[in-house]
PDB file of N, CA and C in Angstrom:
ATOM      1  N   MET A   1       0.821  -1.184   0.000  1.00  0.00           N
ATOM      2  CA  MET A   1       0.000   0.000   0.000  1.00  0.00           C
ATOM      3  C   MET A   1       0.872   1.257   0.000  1.00  0.00           C
ATOM      4  N   PHE A   2       1.917   1.222   0.835  1.00  0.00           N
ATOM      5  CA  PHE A   2       2.788   2.390   0.906  1.00  0.00           C
ATOM      6  C   PHE A   2       3.463   2.635  -0.435  1.00  0.00           C
ATOM      7  N   ASP A   3       3.933   1.567  -1.085  1.00  0.00           N
ATOM      8  CA  ASP A   3       4.567   1.724  -2.394  1.00  0.00           C
ATOM      9  C   ASP A   3       3.595   2.311  -3.414  1.00  0.00           C
ATOM     10  N   ALA A   4       2.347   1.882  -3.371  1.00  0.00           N
ATOM     11  CA  ALA A   4       1.342   2.420  -4.292  1.00  0.00           C
ATOM     12  C   ALA A   4       1.111   3.904  -4.018  1.00  0.00           C
ATOM     13  N   ALA A   5       1.045   4.288  -2.746  1.00  0.00           N
ATOM     14  CA  ALA A   5       0.876   5.699  -2.398  1.00  0.00           C
ATOM     15  C   ALA A   5       2.085   6.515  -2.853  1.00  0.00           C
ATOM     16  N   MET A   6       3.273   5.951  -2.682  1.00  0.00           N
ATOM     17  CA  MET A   6       4.485   6.637  -3.147  1.00  0.00           C
ATOM     18  C   MET A   6       4.457   6.798  -4.670  1.00  0.00           C
ATOM     19  N   ALA A   7       4.011   5.768  -5.371  1.00  0.00           N
ATOM     20  CA  ALA A   7       3.930   5.839  -6.830  1.00  0.00           C
ATOM     21  C   ALA A   7       2.941   6.914  -7.268  1.00  0.00           C
ATOM     22  N   LEU A   8       1.820   7.029  -6.547  1.00  0.00           N
ATOM     23  CA  LEU A   8       0.851   8.082  -6.868  1.00  0.00           C
ATOM     24  C   LEU A   8       1.492   9.456  -6.709  1.00  0.00           C
ATOM     25  N   ARG A   9       2.273   9.627  -5.631  1.00  0.00           N
ATOM     26  CA  ARG A   9       2.946  10.919  -5.445  1.00  0.00           C
ATOM     27  C   ARG A   9       3.965  11.164  -6.547  1.00  0.00           C
ATOM     28  N   GLU A  10       4.696  10.125  -6.927  1.00  0.00           N
ATOM     29  CA  GLU A  10       5.673  10.273  -8.014  1.00  0.00           C
ATOM     30  C   GLU A  10       4.990  10.646  -9.325  1.00  0.00           C
ATOM     31  N   ASP A  11       3.734  10.223  -9.471  1.00  0.00           N
ATOM     32  CA  ASP A  11       2.952  10.571 -10.659  1.00  0.00           C
ATOM     33  C   ASP A  11       2.339  11.966 -10.564  1.00  0.00           C
ATOM     34  N   GLY A  12       2.573  12.665  -9.454  1.00  0.00           N
ATOM     35  CA  GLY A  12       2.106  14.036  -9.307  1.00  0.00           C
ATOM     36  C   GLY A  12       0.955  14.260  -8.360  1.00  0.00           C
ATOM     37  N   ALA A  13       0.415  13.200  -7.768  1.00  0.00           N
ATOM     38  CA  ALA A  13      -0.703  13.362  -6.837  1.00  0.00           C
ATOM     39  C   ALA A  13      -0.192  13.884  -5.496  1.00  0.00           C
ATOM     40  N   THR A  14      -0.838  14.902  -4.970  1.00  0.00           N
ATOM     41  CA  THR A  14      -0.473  15.394  -3.641  1.00  0.00           C
ATOM     42  C   THR A  14      -1.346  14.760  -2.564  1.00  0.00           C
ATOM     43  N   THR A  15      -2.536  14.309  -2.967  1.00  0.00           N
ATOM     44  CA  THR A  15      -3.443  13.603  -2.068  1.00  0.00           C
ATOM     45  C   THR A  15      -4.015  12.419  -2.835  1.00  0.00           C
ATOM     46  N   PHE A  16      -4.624  11.493  -2.097  1.00  0.00           N
ATOM     47  CA  PHE A  16      -5.217  10.334  -2.745  1.00  0.00           C
ATOM     48  C   PHE A  16      -6.350   9.789  -1.901  1.00  0.00           C
ATOM     49  N   ARG A  17      -7.175   8.984  -2.533  1.00  0.00           N
ATOM     50  CA  ARG A  17      -8.287   8.299  -1.873  1.00  0.00           C
ATOM     51  C   ARG A  17      -8.051   6.795  -1.998  1.00  0.00           C
ATOM     52  N   PRO A  18      -8.755   5.989  -1.191  1.00  0.00           N
ATOM     53  CA  PRO A  18      -8.575   4.539  -1.292  1.00  0.00           C
ATOM     54  C   PRO A  18      -8.765   4.012  -2.718  1.00  0.00           C
ATOM     55  N   GLY A  19      -9.715   4.574  -3.456  1.00  0.00           N
ATOM     56  CA  GLY A  19      -9.935   4.139  -4.828  1.00  0.00           C
ATOM     57  C   GLY A  19      -8.742   4.390  -5.738  1.00  0.00           C
ATOM     58  N   ASP A  20      -7.996   5.469  -5.468  1.00  0.00           N
ATOM     59  CA  ASP A  20      -6.787   5.750  -6.251  1.00  0.00           C
ATOM     60  C   ASP A  20      -5.735   4.670  -6.014  1.00  0.00           C
ATOM     61  N   VAL A  21      -5.592   4.270  -4.747  1.00  0.00           N
ATOM     62  CA  VAL A  21      -4.629   3.222  -4.407  1.00  0.00           C
ATOM     63  C   VAL A  21      -5.079   1.894  -5.004  1.00  0.00           C
ATOM     64  N   THR A  22      -6.383   1.606  -4.915  1.00  0.00           N
ATOM     65  CA  THR A  22      -6.928   0.369  -5.484  1.00  0.00           C
ATOM     66  C   THR A  22      -6.650   0.303  -6.984  1.00  0.00           C
ATOM     67  N   ALA A  23      -6.899   1.390  -7.690  1.00  0.00           N
ATOM     68  CA  ALA A  23      -6.657   1.426  -9.139  1.00  0.00           C
ATOM     69  C   ALA A  23      -5.178   1.231  -9.444  1.00  0.00           C
ATOM     70  N   ARG A  24      -4.318   1.850  -8.655  1.00  0.00           N
ATOM     71  CA  ARG A  24      -2.869   1.714  -8.870  1.00  0.00           C
ATOM     72  C   ARG A  24      -2.419   0.274  -8.652  1.00  0.00           C
ATOM     73  N   LEU A  25      -2.913  -0.342  -7.582  1.00  0.00           N
ATOM     74  CA  LEU A  25      -2.541  -1.729  -7.299  1.00  0.00           C
ATOM     75  C   LEU A  25      -3.028  -2.665  -8.410  1.00  0.00           C
ATOM     76  N   ARG A  26      -4.238  -2.453  -8.882  1.00  0.00           N
ATOM     77  CA  ARG A  26      -4.762  -3.293  -9.974  1.00  0.00           C
ATOM     78  C   ARG A  26      -3.934  -3.112 -11.241  1.00  0.00           C
ATOM     79  N   ALA A  27      -3.566  -1.882 -11.545  1.00  0.00           N
ATOM     80  CA  ALA A  27      -2.739  -1.616 -12.728  1.00  0.00           C
ATOM     81  C   ALA A  27      -1.379  -2.291 -12.613  1.00  0.00           C
ATOM     82  N   ASP A  28      -0.895  -2.431 -11.388  1.00  0.00           N
ATOM     83  CA  ASP A  28       0.398  -3.076 -11.144  1.00  0.00           C
ATOM     84  C   ASP A  28       0.276  -4.591 -11.001  1.00  0.00           C
ATOM     85  N   GLY A  29      -0.953  -5.124 -11.162  1.00  0.00           N
ATOM     86  CA  GLY A  29      -1.160  -6.564 -11.082  1.00  0.00           C
ATOM     87  C   GLY A  29      -1.354  -7.108  -9.686  1.00  0.00           C
ATOM     88  N   SER A  30      -1.674  -6.247  -8.734  1.00  0.00           N
ATOM     89  CA  SER A  30      -1.911  -6.662  -7.350  1.00  0.00           C
ATOM     90  C   SER A  30      -3.281  -6.175  -6.896  1.00  0.00           C
ATOM     91  N   PRO A  31      -4.342  -6.831  -7.359  1.00  0.00           N
ATOM     92  CA  PRO A  31      -5.681  -6.334  -7.024  1.00  0.00           C
ATOM     93  C   PRO A  31      -6.039  -6.521  -5.545  1.00  0.00           C
ATOM     94  N   PHE A  32      -6.590  -5.493  -4.972  1.00  0.00           N
ATOM     95  CA  PHE A  32      -7.118  -5.495  -3.610  1.00  0.00           C
ATOM     96  C   PHE A  32      -8.479  -4.820  -3.657  1.00  0.00           C
ATOM     97  N   GLY A  33      -9.372  -5.201  -2.756  1.00  0.00           N
ATOM     98  CA  GLY A  33     -10.653  -4.532  -2.636  1.00  0.00           C
ATOM     99  C   GLY A  33     -10.495  -3.195  -1.934  1.00  0.00           C
ATOM    100  N   ALA A  34     -11.430  -2.297  -2.178  1.00  0.00           N
ATOM    101  CA  ALA A  34     -11.372  -0.962  -1.570  1.00  0.00           C
ATOM    102  C   ALA A  34     -11.366  -1.032  -0.047  1.00  0.00           C
ATOM    103  N   TRP A  35     -12.111  -1.962   0.550  1.00  0.00           N
ATOM    104  CA  TRP A  35     -12.149  -2.054   2.012  1.00  0.00           C
ATOM    105  C   TRP A  35     -10.831  -2.558   2.570  1.00  0.00           C
ATOM    106  N   GLU A  36     -10.165  -3.464   1.841  1.00  0.00           N
ATOM    107  CA  GLU A  36      -8.846  -3.924   2.276  1.00  0.00           C
ATOM    108  C   GLU A  36      -7.855  -2.765   2.245  1.00  0.00           C
ATOM    109  N   VAL A  37      -7.911  -1.991   1.167  1.00  0.00           N
ATOM    110  CA  VAL A  37      -7.021  -0.838   1.041  1.00  0.00           C
ATOM    111  C   VAL A  37      -7.304   0.151   2.154  1.00  0.00           C
ATOM    112  N   ARG A  38      -8.570   0.421   2.429  1.00  0.00           N
ATOM    113  CA  ARG A  38      -8.929   1.390   3.482  1.00  0.00           C
ATOM    114  C   ARG A  38      -8.371   0.945   4.826  1.00  0.00           C
ATOM    115  N   GLY A  39      -8.450  -0.340   5.132  1.00  0.00           N
ATOM    116  CA  GLY A  39      -7.902  -0.850   6.384  1.00  0.00           C
ATOM    117  C   GLY A  39      -6.399  -0.690   6.463  1.00  0.00           C
ATOM    118  N   GLU A  40      -5.727  -0.965   5.365  1.00  0.00           N
ATOM    119  CA  GLU A  40      -4.267  -0.812   5.353  1.00  0.00           C
ATOM    120  C   GLU A  40      -3.854   0.649   5.440  1.00  0.00           C
ATOM    121  N   LEU A  41      -4.668   1.552   4.888  1.00  0.00           N
ATOM    122  CA  LEU A  41      -4.365   2.979   5.037  1.00  0.00           C
ATOM    123  C   LEU A  41      -4.419   3.382   6.504  1.00  0.00           C
ATOM    124  N   SER A  42      -5.344   2.815   7.256  1.00  0.00           N
ATOM    125  CA  SER A  42      -5.399   3.086   8.695  1.00  0.00           C
ATOM    126  C   SER A  42      -4.127   2.603   9.386  1.00  0.00           C
ATOM    127  N   ASN A  43      -3.618   1.450   8.957  1.00  0.00           N
ATOM    128  CA  ASN A  43      -2.353   0.951   9.522  1.00  0.00           C
ATOM    129  C   ASN A  43      -1.206   1.893   9.201  1.00  0.00           C
ATOM    130  N   LEU A  44      -1.154   2.391   7.967  1.00  0.00           N
ATOM    131  CA  LEU A  44      -0.097   3.333   7.601  1.00  0.00           C
ATOM    132  C   LEU A  44      -0.222   4.633   8.388  1.00  0.00           C
ATOM    133  N   GLU A  45      -1.457   5.034   8.685  1.00  0.00           N
ATOM    134  CA  GLU A  45      -1.657   6.231   9.503  1.00  0.00           C
ATOM    135  C   GLU A  45      -1.126   6.003  10.916  1.00  0.00           C
ATOM    136  N   ARG A  46      -1.393   4.825  11.472  1.00  0.00           N
ATOM    137  CA  ARG A  46      -0.877   4.514  12.818  1.00  0.00           C
ATOM    138  C   ARG A  46       0.643   4.515  12.856  1.00  0.00           C
ATOM    139  N   LEU A  47       1.271   4.173  11.740  1.00  0.00           N
ATOM    140  CA  LEU A  47       2.731   4.201  11.648  1.00  0.00           C
ATOM    141  C   LEU A  47       3.276   5.609  11.422  1.00  0.00           C
ATOM    142  N   GLY A  48       2.378   6.570  11.200  1.00  0.00           N
ATOM    143  CA  GLY A  48       2.806   7.947  10.977  1.00  0.00           C
ATOM    144  C   GLY A  48       3.306   8.211   9.566  1.00  0.00           C
ATOM    145  N   LEU A  49       2.911   7.360   8.614  1.00  0.00           N
ATOM    146  CA  LEU A  49       3.370   7.506   7.241  1.00  0.00           C
ATOM    147  C   LEU A  49       2.431   8.343   6.376  1.00  0.00           C
ATOM    148  N   ILE A  50       1.149   8.348   6.739  1.00  0.00           N
ATOM    149  CA  ILE A  50       0.156   9.128   6.005  1.00  0.00           C
ATOM    150  C   ILE A  50      -0.778   9.793   7.002  1.00  0.00           C
ATOM    151  N   VAL A  51      -1.467  10.822   6.544  1.00  0.00           N
ATOM    152  CA  VAL A  51      -2.466  11.503   7.372  1.00  0.00           C
ATOM    153  C   VAL A  51      -3.749  11.663   6.564  1.00  0.00           C
ATOM    154  N   LEU A  52      -4.858  11.648   7.265  1.00  0.00           N
ATOM    155  CA  LEU A  52      -6.162  11.810   6.646  1.00  0.00           C
ATOM    156  C   LEU A  52      -6.652  13.234   6.848  1.00  0.00           C
ATOM    157  N   ASP A  53      -7.063  13.871   5.776  1.00  0.00           N
ATOM    158  CA  ASP A  53      -7.745  15.156   5.851  1.00  0.00           C
ATOM    159  C   ASP A  53      -9.233  14.822   5.866  1.00  0.00           C
ATOM    160  N   GLU A  54      -9.823  14.819   7.045  1.00  0.00           N
ATOM    161  CA  GLU A  54     -11.211  14.392   7.195  1.00  0.00           C
ATOM    162  C   GLU A  54     -12.179  15.287   6.436  1.00  0.00           C
ATOM    163  N   ASP A  55     -11.888  16.570   6.346  1.00  0.00           N
ATOM    164  CA  ASP A  55     -12.778  17.490   5.633  1.00  0.00           C
ATOM    165  C   ASP A  55     -12.826  17.194   4.136  1.00  0.00           C
ATOM    166  N   ALA A  56     -11.675  16.875   3.559  1.00  0.00           N
ATOM    167  CA  ALA A  56     -11.598  16.597   2.125  1.00  0.00           C
ATOM    168  C   ALA A  56     -11.739  15.110   1.809  1.00  0.00           C
ATOM    169  N   ALA A  57     -11.680  14.268   2.836  1.00  0.00           N
ATOM    170  CA  ALA A  57     -11.746  12.808   2.669  1.00  0.00           C
ATOM    171  C   ALA A  57     -10.632  12.306   1.766  1.00  0.00           C
ATOM    172  N   THR A  58      -9.436  12.870   1.964  1.00  0.00           N
ATOM    173  CA  THR A  58      -8.268  12.447   1.193  1.00  0.00           C
ATOM    174  C   THR A  58      -7.113  12.168   2.141  1.00  0.00           C
ATOM    175  N   TRP A  59      -6.208  11.330   1.685  1.00  0.00           N
ATOM    176  CA  TRP A  59      -5.004  10.986   2.428  1.00  0.00           C
ATOM    177  C   TRP A  59      -3.818  11.698   1.812  1.00  0.00           C
ATOM    178  N   LYS A  60      -2.773  11.865   2.604  1.00  0.00           N
ATOM    179  CA  LYS A  60      -1.553  12.520   2.135  1.00  0.00           C
ATOM    180  C   LYS A  60      -0.360  11.824   2.783  1.00  0.00           C
ATOM    181  N   LEU A  61       0.688  11.603   1.998  1.00  0.00           N
ATOM    182  CA  LEU A  61       1.921  11.055   2.554  1.00  0.00           C
ATOM    183  C   LEU A  61       2.584  12.091   3.445  1.00  0.00           C
ATOM    184  N   VAL A  62       3.163  11.656   4.537  1.00  0.00           N
ATOM    185  CA  VAL A  62       3.908  12.532   5.427  1.00  0.00           C
ATOM    186  C   VAL A  62       5.290  12.744   4.816  1.00  0.00           C
ATOM    187  N   ASP A  63       5.706  13.991   4.699  1.00  0.00           N
ATOM    188  CA  ASP A  63       7.027  14.287   4.142  1.00  0.00           C
ATOM    189  C   ASP A  63       8.112  13.583   4.952  1.00  0.00           C
ATOM    190  N   GLY A  64       8.999  12.917   4.243  1.00  0.00           N
ATOM    191  CA  GLY A  64      10.121  12.241   4.886  1.00  0.00           C
ATOM    192  C   GLY A  64       9.800  10.885   5.486  1.00  0.00           C
ATOM    193  N   ALA A  65       8.568  10.441   5.358  1.00  0.00           N
ATOM    194  CA  ALA A  65       8.177   9.151   5.931  1.00  0.00           C
ATOM    195  C   ALA A  65       8.816   8.017   5.147  1.00  0.00           C
ATOM    196  N   SER A  66       9.203   6.979   5.875  1.00  0.00           N
ATOM    197  CA  SER A  66       9.724   5.782   5.220  1.00  0.00           C
ATOM    198  C   SER A  66       9.116   4.566   5.889  1.00  0.00           C
ATOM    199  N   PHE A  67       8.950   3.514   5.107  1.00  0.00           N
ATOM    200  CA  PHE A  67       8.289   2.307   5.572  1.00  0.00           C
ATOM    201  C   PHE A  67       9.288   1.371   6.229  1.00  0.00           C
ATOM    202  N   SER A  68       8.910   0.847   7.383  1.00  0.00           N
ATOM    203  CA  SER A  68       9.727  -0.134   8.095  1.00  0.00           C
ATOM    204  C   SER A  68       8.902  -1.400   8.275  1.00  0.00           C
ATOM    205  N   ILE A  69       9.329  -2.480   7.658  1.00  0.00           N
ATOM    206  CA  ILE A  69       8.596  -3.736   7.768  1.00  0.00           C
ATOM    207  C   ILE A  69       8.572  -4.231   9.217  1.00  0.00           C
ATOM    208  N   GLU A  70       9.589  -3.911   9.986  1.00  0.00           N
ATOM    209  CA  GLU A  70       9.625  -4.315  11.394  1.00  0.00           C
ATOM    210  C   GLU A  70       8.497  -3.653  12.175  1.00  0.00           C
ATOM    211  N   GLU A  71       8.296  -2.350  11.958  1.00  0.00           N
ATOM    212  CA  GLU A  71       7.198  -1.653  12.633  1.00  0.00           C
ATOM    213  C   GLU A  71       5.856  -2.172  12.156  1.00  0.00           C
ATOM    214  N   ALA A  72       5.734  -2.378  10.862  1.00  0.00           N
ATOM    215  CA  ALA A  72       4.464  -2.823  10.298  1.00  0.00           C
ATOM    216  C   ALA A  72       4.079  -4.191  10.809  1.00  0.00           C
ATOM    217  N   SER A  73       5.033  -5.050  11.072  1.00  0.00           N
ATOM    218  CA  SER A  73       4.727  -6.402  11.505  1.00  0.00           C
ATOM    219  C   SER A  73       4.158  -6.441  12.907  1.00  0.00           C
ATOM    220  N   THR A  74       4.256  -5.354  13.663  1.00  0.00           N
ATOM    221  CA  THR A  74       3.706  -5.320  15.015  1.00  0.00           C
ATOM    222  C   THR A  74       2.241  -4.900  15.037  1.00  0.00           C
ATOM    223  N   LEU A  75       1.729  -4.415  13.887  1.00  0.00           N
ATOM    224  CA  LEU A  75       0.342  -3.963  13.823  1.00  0.00           C
ATOM    225  C   LEU A  75      -0.591  -5.133  13.565  1.00  0.00           C
ATOM    226  N   PRO A  76      -1.793  -5.106  14.126  1.00  0.00           N
ATOM    227  CA  PRO A  76      -2.770  -6.136  13.791  1.00  0.00           C
ATOM    228  C   PRO A  76      -3.206  -5.994  12.342  1.00  0.00           C
ATOM    229  N   ARG A  77      -3.411  -7.091  11.673  1.00  0.00           N
ATOM    230  CA  ARG A  77      -3.858  -7.083  10.285  1.00  0.00           C
ATOM    231  C   ARG A  77      -5.354  -6.820  10.225  1.00  0.00           C
ATOM    232  N   CYS A  78      -5.784  -6.081   9.221  1.00  0.00           N
ATOM    233  CA  CYS A  78      -7.203  -5.851   8.981  1.00  0.00           C
ATOM    234  C   CYS A  78      -7.764  -7.076   8.264  1.00  0.00           C
ATOM    235  N   ALA A  79      -8.941  -7.474   8.665  1.00  0.00           N
ATOM    236  CA  ALA A  79      -9.562  -8.642   8.022  1.00  0.00           C
ATOM    237  C   ALA A  79     -10.447  -8.228   6.884  1.00  0.00           C
TER     238      ALA A  79
END
């Protein structure tokens, strides 16, 4: 999910929605449902990698954030 969000930013997006990530993952050959993506976005938020703008209903990558598989492995998985 984080890689897909990073790819969206590299493509020029400053914000994104779960559907944007879902479309990116499908285009890359890794299909996920929108609810699965939404759950993983919450995990990335808990890691401090992204933030939600509740008013706009969009997510944004945190500047300088990097993904750590060690930190991610401590989070409960969304079902």
